[in-house]
Amino acid sequence: MGQCCSRATAPDSGRGGANGYGYSNQAKPAQTPPSYNAPQPQAEVRYTPPAMNPPVVPPVIVPPKPTADTILGKPYEDVRTVYSLGKELGRGQFGVTYLCTEIATGRQYACKSISKRKLTSKADREDIRREIQIMQHLSGQPNIVEFRGAYEDKSNVHVVMELCAGGELFDRIIAKGHYTERAAATICRAVVNVVNICHFMGVMHRDLKPENFLLATKEENAMLKATDFGLSVFIEEGKMYRDIVGSAYYVAPEVLRRSYGKEIDVWSAGVILYILLSGVPPFWAETEKGIFDAILHEEIDFESQPWPSISESAKDLVRKMLARDPKKRLTSGQVLQHPWLREGGDASDKPIDSAVLSRMKQFRAMNKLKKMALKVIASNLNEEEIKGLKQMFMNMDTDNSGTITYEELKAGLAKLGSKLSEAEVKQLMEAVCSNLELCYSTFLGSCS
């Protein structure tokens, strides 16, 4: 580039030499040159460029940590920067639930910490991811536990949710010591409301049972909340589901036939209502296979106590919720509009026979005993043994009966190198069922 400055120059003097322009070769008389004032040289003019900002240095972009191996698909985040974890509230197959306190506000919540080492398959990881997505999707709705957030570190996935300090439903009913149809209707309305919300929002629960409901507080009129969505799925329109899921007493017949839709949730709610009114489930047997046979073939018992004293309107609703044909079964919306169930409906305030509470207490105690017994064996198995046990159960059940015998379990555990003694295995089987057959779905479900 040229200089950034210029100078003014004097005009041509007229002397061009031999061939200069404007002069001839002939001599001319000397003349006095005219007065000529040469222009004065001008002051030097310099160009000053405009001020420029310094060049902008682009920010250094630090790429996020790889998320390929994470369950939540985002960088690791330490839950302890937001919450402090306190005492243990419960323990399951995959992890532990703790009382936790939000550091910024002092508010208390529940934190379910799931051990990633125990998520031994891709399906396990997908199940946890889907459960979190569904909880987040449903959060804020009545009768559903509030989701606060999910965090993942190298060892665990932490799910923080509303703390339901009021305890389990049946424990509250038994503790009160008195009970009416109207109270049963209020509880059932909350359960069916959960079903209605789930279906409206495109979710099938698939594991409705009393243990999956907790009371929000210890107050008399505390709200009932659904807390467990581990088997729930987003509904795909037109799809018939085929995997057998749920808990034995509450499973709908079409689940056992491996072709079902969202109607199964109304069936399970109907089983809960039957238990609320009588203290026992409608289909009962010593083994899980026997329970399944009863669900498929037996008629509902409305003859034994206390059913003769239960209102016809209540029995009508139970029948319509437990219709074996899902096309004839009431929808959740229709259940909520039933005269016996709707708020201010015709459910009686007359006390139900006290034997109902006694039976309910026995049923609750039996379930707790089975669960405790199954956790004994679960606590003695490491992650690899549990993974192998899952596959072993599936391989042994060649006839899809849903059960294996004591001898099969003993041989399978020995093959895996388990340190459980023969007596311990037998005690486990006897605690679970009288004829020494064990259902693998019950085992795995009860450990969770």
Protein backbone atom coordinates (compact mmCIF):
# COMPACT_ATOMS: atom_id res chain seq x y z
CA MET A 1 0.00 0.00 0.00
CA GLY A 2 1.11 3.63 -0.60
CA GLN A 3 1.84 6.18 2.04
CA CYS A 4 -0.98 7.55 4.06
CA CYS A 5 -0.01 11.12 3.34
CA SER A 6 0.44 13.46 0.18
CA ARG A 7 2.21 16.68 -0.69
CA ALA A 8 1.02 19.67 -2.91
CA THR A 9 3.46 20.27 -5.83
CA ALA A 10 4.27 23.48 -7.82
CA PRO A 11 2.82 23.88 -11.37
CA ASP A 12 5.01 23.16 -14.43
CA SER A 13 7.63 26.01 -15.14
CA GLY A 14 7.16 25.98 -18.92
CA ARG A 15 10.70 24.97 -19.74
CA GLY A 16 10.42 22.01 -21.95
CA GLY A 17 13.88 21.89 -23.72
CA ALA A 18 14.25 21.60 -27.54
CA ASN A 19 10.87 20.25 -28.05
CA GLY A 20 9.29 22.04 -25.20
CA TYR A 21 5.62 22.82 -25.54
CA GLY A 22 4.76 26.59 -26.29
CA TYR A 23 8.15 27.85 -27.50
CA SER A 24 9.61 28.28 -31.03
CA ASN A 25 13.25 28.11 -32.02
CA GLN A 26 13.27 31.79 -33.11
CA ALA A 27 14.99 34.24 -30.79
CA LYS A 28 12.70 36.75 -29.17
CA PRO A 29 13.47 40.04 -27.54
CA ALA A 30 14.04 39.79 -23.89
CA GLN A 31 10.95 40.48 -21.99
CA THR A 32 10.42 41.23 -18.42
CA PRO A 33 8.71 38.25 -17.04
CA PRO A 34 5.35 39.00 -15.55
CA SER A 35 5.07 39.16 -11.87
CA TYR A 36 4.50 35.66 -10.67
CA ASN A 37 3.88 34.63 -7.12
CA ALA A 38 4.57 30.96 -6.66
CA PRO A 39 2.11 29.27 -4.37
CA GLN A 40 3.37 28.63 -0.89
CA PRO A 41 3.75 25.05 0.02
CA GLN A 42 0.75 23.81 2.06
CA ALA A 43 1.05 22.26 5.45
CA GLU A 44 1.46 18.51 5.39
CA VAL A 45 -1.87 16.68 5.74
CA ARG A 46 -1.79 13.28 7.42
CA TYR A 47 -4.62 10.70 7.27
CA THR A 48 -5.57 9.38 10.64
CA PRO A 49 -7.50 6.13 10.44
CA PRO A 50 -10.57 5.77 12.73
CA ALA A 51 -10.04 4.11 16.05
CA MET A 52 -10.61 0.36 15.88
CA ASN A 53 -11.64 -2.03 18.64
CA PRO A 54 -9.15 -4.73 19.45
CA PRO A 55 -9.83 -7.98 17.65
CA VAL A 56 -12.45 -10.17 19.35
CA VAL A 57 -10.95 -13.37 20.63
CA PRO A 58 -13.53 -16.18 20.37
CA PRO A 59 -14.31 -17.85 23.71
CA VAL A 60 -12.67 -21.15 24.43
CA ILE A 61 -15.40 -23.77 24.18
CA VAL A 62 -14.89 -26.65 26.58
CA PRO A 63 -16.75 -29.67 25.25
CA PRO A 64 -19.00 -31.42 27.80
CA LYS A 65 -17.86 -34.67 29.26
CA PRO A 66 -18.81 -37.63 27.10
CA THR A 67 -22.32 -38.92 27.86
CA ALA A 68 -22.21 -42.13 25.86
CA ASP A 69 -22.05 -44.30 28.98
CA THR A 70 -24.45 -42.30 31.12
CA ILE A 71 -28.01 -43.39 31.77
CA LEU A 72 -29.54 -39.92 31.81
CA GLY A 73 -27.68 -38.79 28.70
CA LYS A 74 -26.15 -35.74 30.35
CA PRO A 75 -22.88 -34.97 32.19
CA TYR A 76 -22.39 -36.24 35.71
CA GLU A 77 -23.83 -34.06 38.47
CA ASP A 78 -23.28 -34.48 42.20
CA VAL A 79 -26.63 -34.62 44.00
CA ARG A 80 -24.86 -33.60 47.22
CA THR A 81 -24.27 -30.09 45.88
CA VAL A 82 -28.05 -29.56 46.06
CA TYR A 83 -29.23 -32.00 48.75
CA SER A 84 -27.78 -33.53 51.88
CA LEU A 85 -28.64 -37.22 52.26
CA GLY A 86 -29.88 -38.42 55.65
CA LYS A 87 -31.28 -41.62 57.13
CA GLU A 88 -32.29 -44.64 55.10
CA LEU A 89 -36.03 -44.93 54.42
CA GLY A 90 -36.10 -48.16 52.45
CA ARG A 91 -34.06 -50.64 50.44
CA GLY A 92 -34.76 -52.54 47.24
CA GLN A 93 -33.14 -54.70 44.58
CA PHE A 94 -31.42 -51.83 42.79
CA GLY A 95 -30.78 -49.27 45.51
CA VAL A 96 -31.66 -47.39 48.67
CA THR A 97 -34.14 -44.59 49.41
CA TYR A 98 -32.89 -41.85 51.76
CA LEU A 99 -34.40 -38.89 53.51
CA CYS A 100 -32.77 -35.85 51.91
CA THR A 101 -32.79 -32.12 52.64
CA GLU A 102 -32.53 -29.35 50.07
CA ILE A 103 -29.53 -27.28 51.16
CA ALA A 104 -30.91 -23.95 49.92
CA THR A 105 -34.34 -24.20 51.58
CA GLY A 106 -34.15 -26.89 54.27
CA ARG A 107 -37.14 -28.70 52.73
CA GLN A 108 -37.18 -32.47 53.02
CA TYR A 109 -37.61 -34.92 50.15
CA ALA A 110 -36.98 -38.59 49.38
CA CYS A 111 -33.97 -39.61 47.29
CA LYS A 112 -33.92 -43.01 45.61
CA SER A 113 -30.27 -43.86 44.89
CA ILE A 114 -29.98 -46.60 42.28
CA SER A 115 -26.71 -48.50 42.03
CA LYS A 116 -25.51 -48.55 38.42
CA ARG A 117 -23.53 -51.73 39.11
CA LYS A 118 -26.81 -53.57 39.62
CA LEU A 119 -28.21 -52.43 36.28
CA THR A 120 -26.70 -55.43 34.57
CA SER A 121 -28.46 -55.21 31.21
CA LYS A 122 -29.40 -52.64 28.61
CA ALA A 123 -33.06 -53.28 29.48
CA ASP A 124 -32.41 -52.41 33.15
CA ARG A 125 -30.87 -49.09 32.13
CA GLU A 126 -33.74 -48.34 29.75
CA ASP A 127 -36.28 -49.15 32.48
CA ILE A 128 -34.71 -46.64 34.87
CA ARG A 129 -34.54 -43.99 32.15
CA ARG A 130 -38.19 -44.55 31.22
CA GLU A 131 -39.35 -44.49 34.85
CA ILE A 132 -37.71 -41.09 35.34
CA GLN A 133 -39.25 -39.76 32.12
CA ILE A 134 -42.72 -40.90 33.20
CA MET A 135 -42.38 -39.46 36.70
CA GLN A 136 -41.32 -36.14 35.21
CA HIS A 137 -44.21 -36.29 32.71
CA LEU A 138 -46.84 -36.94 35.40
CA SER A 139 -45.41 -34.70 38.13
CA GLY A 140 -47.74 -32.02 39.43
CA GLN A 141 -50.92 -34.07 38.94
CA PRO A 142 -53.19 -34.92 41.89
CA ASN A 143 -52.51 -38.21 43.69
CA ILE A 144 -49.10 -38.59 42.00
CA VAL A 145 -45.80 -38.08 43.80
CA GLU A 146 -44.01 -34.87 42.82
CA PHE A 147 -40.77 -35.34 40.87
CA ARG A 148 -37.96 -32.97 41.89
CA GLY A 149 -35.02 -34.01 39.74
CA ALA A 150 -32.63 -36.74 38.63
CA TYR A 151 -28.86 -36.75 39.06
CA GLU A 152 -26.18 -39.16 37.94
CA ASP A 153 -22.63 -39.73 39.09
CA LYS A 154 -20.12 -42.49 38.40
CA SER A 155 -21.78 -44.98 40.74
CA ASN A 156 -25.46 -44.10 41.08
CA VAL A 157 -28.54 -42.51 39.60
CA HIS A 158 -30.36 -40.40 42.20
CA VAL A 159 -34.08 -39.66 41.82
CA VAL A 160 -35.34 -36.93 44.16
CA MET A 161 -39.08 -36.81 44.79
CA GLU A 162 -41.70 -35.64 47.24
CA LEU A 163 -41.42 -37.15 50.71
CA CYS A 164 -44.60 -39.07 51.57
CA ALA A 165 -44.30 -39.30 55.35
CA GLY A 166 -47.75 -40.75 56.05
CA GLY A 167 -46.85 -44.38 55.45
CA GLU A 168 -48.57 -47.17 53.53
CA LEU A 169 -52.29 -47.27 52.87
CA PHE A 170 -53.20 -50.56 54.59
CA ASP A 171 -51.17 -49.68 57.67
CA ARG A 172 -53.21 -46.49 58.07
CA ILE A 173 -56.52 -48.32 57.60
CA ILE A 174 -55.58 -51.02 60.12
CA ALA A 175 -54.30 -48.46 62.64
CA LYS A 176 -57.59 -46.54 62.56
CA GLY A 177 -59.48 -49.61 63.70
CA HIS A 178 -62.79 -48.65 62.08
CA TYR A 179 -63.86 -48.58 58.49
CA THR A 180 -66.83 -47.81 56.25
CA GLU A 181 -67.87 -48.18 52.61
CA ARG A 182 -67.56 -44.41 52.28
CA ALA A 183 -63.93 -44.57 53.42
CA ALA A 184 -63.28 -47.37 50.92
CA ALA A 185 -64.90 -45.28 48.17
CA THR A 186 -62.68 -42.30 48.99
CA ILE A 187 -59.54 -44.44 48.77
CA CYS A 188 -60.65 -46.17 45.58
CA ARG A 189 -61.50 -42.81 44.00
CA ALA A 190 -57.91 -41.66 44.56
CA VAL A 191 -56.54 -44.89 43.04
CA VAL A 192 -58.79 -44.66 39.97
CA ASN A 193 -57.96 -40.98 39.62
CA VAL A 194 -54.31 -41.99 39.20
CA VAL A 195 -55.36 -44.44 36.48
CA ASN A 196 -57.46 -41.77 34.77
CA ILE A 197 -54.59 -39.24 34.81
CA CYS A 198 -52.11 -41.82 33.53
CA HIS A 199 -54.34 -42.88 30.65
CA PHE A 200 -55.23 -39.28 29.75
CA MET A 201 -51.51 -38.45 29.62
CA GLY A 202 -50.62 -41.52 27.58
CA VAL A 203 -49.20 -43.76 30.32
CA MET A 204 -50.11 -47.33 31.32
CA HIS A 205 -49.12 -48.03 34.94
CA ARG A 206 -49.03 -51.87 34.82
CA ASP A 207 -48.31 -52.42 38.54
CA LEU A 208 -51.13 -50.96 40.61
CA LYS A 209 -51.17 -52.40 44.13
CA PRO A 210 -51.64 -50.91 47.62
CA GLU A 211 -47.89 -51.03 48.36
CA ASN A 212 -47.27 -48.54 45.55
CA PHE A 213 -49.39 -45.87 47.25
CA LEU A 214 -48.25 -43.74 50.19
CA LEU A 215 -49.97 -41.04 52.21
CA ALA A 216 -48.45 -37.59 51.79
CA THR A 217 -48.51 -36.74 55.51
CA LYS A 218 -49.57 -38.20 58.86
CA GLU A 219 -52.63 -35.96 58.95
CA GLU A 220 -56.11 -37.49 59.05
CA ASN A 221 -57.12 -36.38 55.56
CA ALA A 222 -53.72 -36.75 53.89
CA MET A 223 -53.70 -37.19 50.12
CA LEU A 224 -52.93 -40.64 48.75
CA LYS A 225 -50.03 -40.61 46.27
CA ALA A 226 -48.83 -43.12 43.68
CA THR A 227 -45.07 -43.42 44.13
CA ASP A 228 -43.76 -46.25 41.95
CA PHE A 229 -43.75 -46.17 38.14
CA GLY A 230 -41.03 -48.77 37.56
CA LEU A 231 -43.16 -50.93 35.22
CA SER A 232 -45.05 -48.08 33.57
CA VAL A 233 -44.80 -47.43 29.83
CA PHE A 234 -45.88 -44.74 27.41
CA ILE A 235 -48.90 -46.05 25.49
CA GLU A 236 -48.38 -46.69 21.78
CA GLU A 237 -51.73 -46.45 20.01
CA GLY A 238 -52.81 -49.72 18.44
CA LYS A 239 -50.06 -51.74 20.10
CA MET A 240 -50.92 -54.87 22.07
CA TYR A 241 -48.46 -55.54 24.88
CA ARG A 242 -47.22 -59.07 25.50
CA ASP A 243 -44.72 -59.07 28.38
CA ILE A 244 -46.02 -60.43 31.68
CA VAL A 245 -45.66 -57.76 34.35
CA GLY A 246 -47.27 -56.83 37.64
CA SER A 247 -47.91 -58.55 40.95
CA ALA A 248 -49.76 -61.86 41.09
CA TYR A 249 -52.97 -60.91 42.92
CA TYR A 250 -53.49 -57.79 40.79
CA VAL A 251 -52.68 -59.10 37.29
CA ALA A 252 -55.45 -58.90 34.69
CA PRO A 253 -56.37 -62.06 32.74
CA GLU A 254 -55.31 -60.57 29.40
CA VAL A 255 -51.79 -60.02 30.80
CA LEU A 256 -51.57 -63.78 31.38
CA ARG A 257 -52.76 -64.29 27.80
CA ARG A 258 -49.97 -61.96 26.65
CA SER A 259 -52.18 -59.53 24.73
CA TYR A 260 -53.30 -56.42 26.59
CA GLY A 261 -53.73 -52.67 26.70
CA LYS A 262 -54.40 -49.96 29.26
CA GLU A 263 -57.60 -51.68 30.49
CA ILE A 264 -55.41 -53.80 32.80
CA ASP A 265 -55.04 -50.82 35.16
CA VAL A 266 -58.80 -50.73 35.80
CA TRP A 267 -58.72 -54.46 36.62
CA SER A 268 -55.93 -53.92 39.16
CA ALA A 269 -57.86 -51.02 40.72
CA GLY A 270 -60.88 -53.34 40.94
CA VAL A 271 -58.80 -55.89 42.86
CA ILE A 272 -57.74 -53.15 45.28
CA LEU A 273 -61.40 -52.20 45.78
CA TYR A 274 -62.32 -55.84 46.47
CA ILE A 275 -59.59 -56.00 49.14
CA LEU A 276 -60.72 -52.68 50.63
CA LEU A 277 -64.24 -54.09 51.08
CA SER A 278 -63.41 -57.66 52.18
CA GLY A 279 -59.82 -57.72 53.46
CA VAL A 280 -58.63 -60.37 50.97
CA PRO A 281 -58.01 -60.48 47.20
CA PRO A 282 -60.72 -61.89 44.91
CA PHE A 283 -58.50 -64.65 43.49
CA TRP A 284 -56.56 -66.68 46.00
CA ALA A 285 -54.37 -69.80 45.94
CA GLU A 286 -51.33 -71.30 47.66
CA THR A 287 -49.10 -70.81 44.62
CA GLU A 288 -48.72 -68.13 42.02
CA LYS A 289 -49.74 -70.58 39.30
CA GLY A 290 -52.89 -71.28 41.31
CA ILE A 291 -53.60 -67.56 41.58
CA PHE A 292 -53.19 -67.19 37.82
CA ASP A 293 -55.56 -70.11 37.16
CA ALA A 294 -58.15 -68.51 39.45
CA ILE A 295 -57.83 -65.16 37.68
CA LEU A 296 -58.43 -66.85 34.33
CA HIS A 297 -61.28 -69.17 35.29
CA GLU A 298 -62.89 -68.71 38.72
CA GLU A 299 -65.93 -66.60 39.53
CA ILE A 300 -65.70 -63.71 41.96
CA ASP A 301 -66.87 -64.66 45.46
CA PHE A 302 -69.69 -62.41 46.67
CA GLU A 303 -71.16 -65.05 49.01
CA SER A 304 -68.62 -65.17 51.85
CA GLN A 305 -68.54 -62.62 54.65
CA PRO A 306 -68.67 -59.65 54.60
CA TRP A 307 -70.25 -59.50 51.11
CA PRO A 308 -73.88 -60.16 52.17
CA SER A 309 -73.72 -56.90 54.16
CA ILE A 310 -71.97 -54.88 51.42
CA SER A 311 -74.22 -52.66 49.30
CA GLU A 312 -75.40 -53.82 45.88
CA SER A 313 -74.02 -50.62 44.36
CA ALA A 314 -70.51 -51.43 45.61
CA LYS A 315 -70.75 -54.99 44.29
CA ASP A 316 -71.98 -53.68 40.94
CA LEU A 317 -68.89 -51.52 40.59
CA VAL A 318 -66.56 -54.39 41.54
CA ARG A 319 -68.18 -56.66 38.91
CA LYS A 320 -67.81 -54.03 36.18
CA MET A 321 -64.18 -53.31 37.04
CA LEU A 322 -63.35 -57.04 37.12
CA ALA A 323 -65.04 -57.96 33.84
CA ARG A 324 -62.77 -60.55 32.20
CA ASP A 325 -63.45 -59.13 28.75
CA PRO A 326 -61.51 -55.84 28.63
CA LYS A 327 -63.98 -54.49 26.05
CA LYS A 328 -66.79 -54.85 28.60
CA ARG A 329 -64.76 -53.44 31.48
CA LEU A 330 -65.45 -49.87 32.60
CA THR A 331 -62.96 -47.19 31.63
CA SER A 332 -61.34 -45.16 34.40
CA GLY A 333 -63.58 -42.21 33.52
CA GLN A 334 -66.70 -44.37 33.78
CA VAL A 335 -65.56 -45.73 37.14
CA LEU A 336 -65.19 -42.20 38.50
CA GLN A 337 -68.79 -41.48 37.46
CA HIS A 338 -70.25 -44.61 39.08
CA PRO A 339 -72.95 -43.73 41.66
CA TRP A 340 -71.16 -45.57 44.47
CA LEU A 341 -67.73 -44.07 43.83
CA ARG A 342 -68.34 -40.48 42.86
CA GLU A 343 -67.93 -37.81 45.50
CA GLY A 344 -71.16 -37.41 47.45
CA GLY A 345 -72.39 -40.72 45.99
CA ASP A 346 -74.36 -43.47 47.66
CA ALA A 347 -71.51 -45.25 49.50
CA SER A 348 -72.73 -46.03 53.01
CA ASP A 349 -71.20 -44.57 56.17
CA LYS A 350 -72.18 -47.69 58.09
CA PRO A 351 -69.16 -49.50 59.67
CA ILE A 352 -67.93 -52.56 57.80
CA ASP A 353 -67.55 -55.86 59.70
CA SER A 354 -64.43 -55.68 61.90
CA ALA A 355 -63.34 -59.05 60.48
CA VAL A 356 -62.40 -57.17 57.29
CA LEU A 357 -59.68 -55.29 59.14
CA SER A 358 -58.42 -58.52 60.73
CA ARG A 359 -58.16 -60.22 57.35
CA MET A 360 -56.53 -57.15 55.85
CA LYS A 361 -53.96 -57.19 58.65
CA GLN A 362 -53.18 -60.87 58.02
CA PHE A 363 -52.90 -60.32 54.27
CA ARG A 364 -50.59 -57.35 54.83
CA ALA A 365 -48.42 -59.31 57.29
CA MET A 366 -48.12 -62.26 54.90
CA ASN A 367 -46.94 -60.01 52.07
CA LYS A 368 -44.38 -58.35 54.35
CA LEU A 369 -43.06 -61.74 55.47
CA LYS A 370 -42.64 -62.96 51.91
CA LYS A 371 -40.89 -59.78 50.90
CA MET A 372 -38.51 -59.97 53.86
CA ALA A 373 -37.71 -63.62 53.12
CA LEU A 374 -36.97 -62.85 49.49
CA LYS A 375 -34.72 -59.96 50.45
CA VAL A 376 -32.65 -62.34 52.58
CA ILE A 377 -31.61 -64.27 49.52
CA ALA A 378 -31.21 -61.11 47.45
CA SER A 379 -28.82 -59.63 50.00
CA ASN A 380 -26.67 -62.77 49.80
CA LEU A 381 -26.24 -62.52 46.04
CA ASN A 382 -23.90 -60.15 44.27
CA GLU A 383 -24.73 -58.41 41.00
CA GLU A 384 -23.37 -61.17 38.79
CA GLU A 385 -25.32 -63.82 40.71
CA ILE A 386 -28.54 -61.82 40.39
CA LYS A 387 -27.92 -61.39 36.67
CA GLY A 388 -27.29 -65.11 36.29
CA LEU A 389 -30.31 -65.96 38.43
CA LYS A 390 -32.60 -63.94 36.16
CA GLN A 391 -31.38 -65.86 33.14
CA MET A 392 -31.47 -69.16 35.01
CA PHE A 393 -35.13 -68.70 35.92
CA MET A 394 -35.99 -67.90 32.33
CA ASN A 395 -34.11 -70.93 31.00
CA MET A 396 -35.60 -73.34 33.54
CA ASP A 397 -39.19 -72.31 32.94
CA THR A 398 -39.41 -74.16 29.63
CA ASP A 399 -43.19 -74.63 29.80
CA ASN A 400 -43.79 -70.95 30.65
CA SER A 401 -45.59 -72.02 33.82
CA GLY A 402 -44.06 -69.14 35.75
CA THR A 403 -42.62 -71.37 38.50
CA ILE A 404 -39.57 -73.47 39.32
CA THR A 405 -39.28 -76.14 42.00
CA TYR A 406 -37.14 -76.17 45.12
CA GLU A 407 -34.78 -78.73 43.57
CA GLU A 408 -34.36 -76.60 40.44
CA LEU A 409 -33.60 -73.51 42.50
CA LYS A 410 -31.15 -75.37 44.74
CA ALA A 411 -29.30 -76.81 41.73
CA GLY A 412 -29.28 -73.48 39.95
CA LEU A 413 -27.88 -71.61 42.94
CA ALA A 414 -25.19 -74.26 43.45
CA LYS A 415 -24.25 -73.95 39.78
CA LEU A 416 -23.80 -70.22 40.29
CA GLY A 417 -21.53 -70.84 43.27
CA SER A 418 -23.92 -69.38 45.83
CA LYS A 419 -22.92 -69.84 49.49
CA LEU A 420 -26.50 -70.31 50.70
CA SER A 421 -26.95 -73.58 52.56
CA GLU A 422 -29.61 -76.13 51.64
CA ALA A 423 -31.51 -75.23 54.81
CA GLU A 424 -31.48 -71.53 53.91
CA VAL A 425 -32.82 -72.23 50.41
CA LYS A 426 -35.55 -74.46 51.87
CA GLN A 427 -36.50 -71.85 54.48
CA LEU A 428 -36.82 -69.29 51.73
CA MET A 429 -39.09 -71.52 49.65
CA GLU A 430 -41.25 -72.42 52.65
CA ALA A 431 -41.66 -68.75 53.53
CA VAL A 432 -42.83 -68.01 50.01
CA CYS A 433 -45.18 -70.89 49.30
CA SER A 434 -46.27 -74.17 50.81
CA ASN A 435 -45.63 -76.52 47.90
CA LEU A 436 -42.03 -75.39 47.30
CA GLU A 437 -42.54 -73.72 43.95
CA LEU A 438 -41.22 -70.24 43.30
CA CYS A 439 -42.20 -67.78 40.58
CA TYR A 440 -39.27 -65.82 39.19
CA SER A 441 -41.36 -62.69 38.62
CA THR A 442 -42.39 -62.77 42.29
CA PHE A 443 -38.78 -63.23 43.39
CA LEU A 444 -37.42 -60.38 41.30
CA GLY A 445 -40.39 -58.11 41.97
CA SER A 446 -40.29 -58.65 45.72
CA CYS A 447 -36.61 -57.77 45.85
CA SER A 448 -37.28 -54.34 44.39
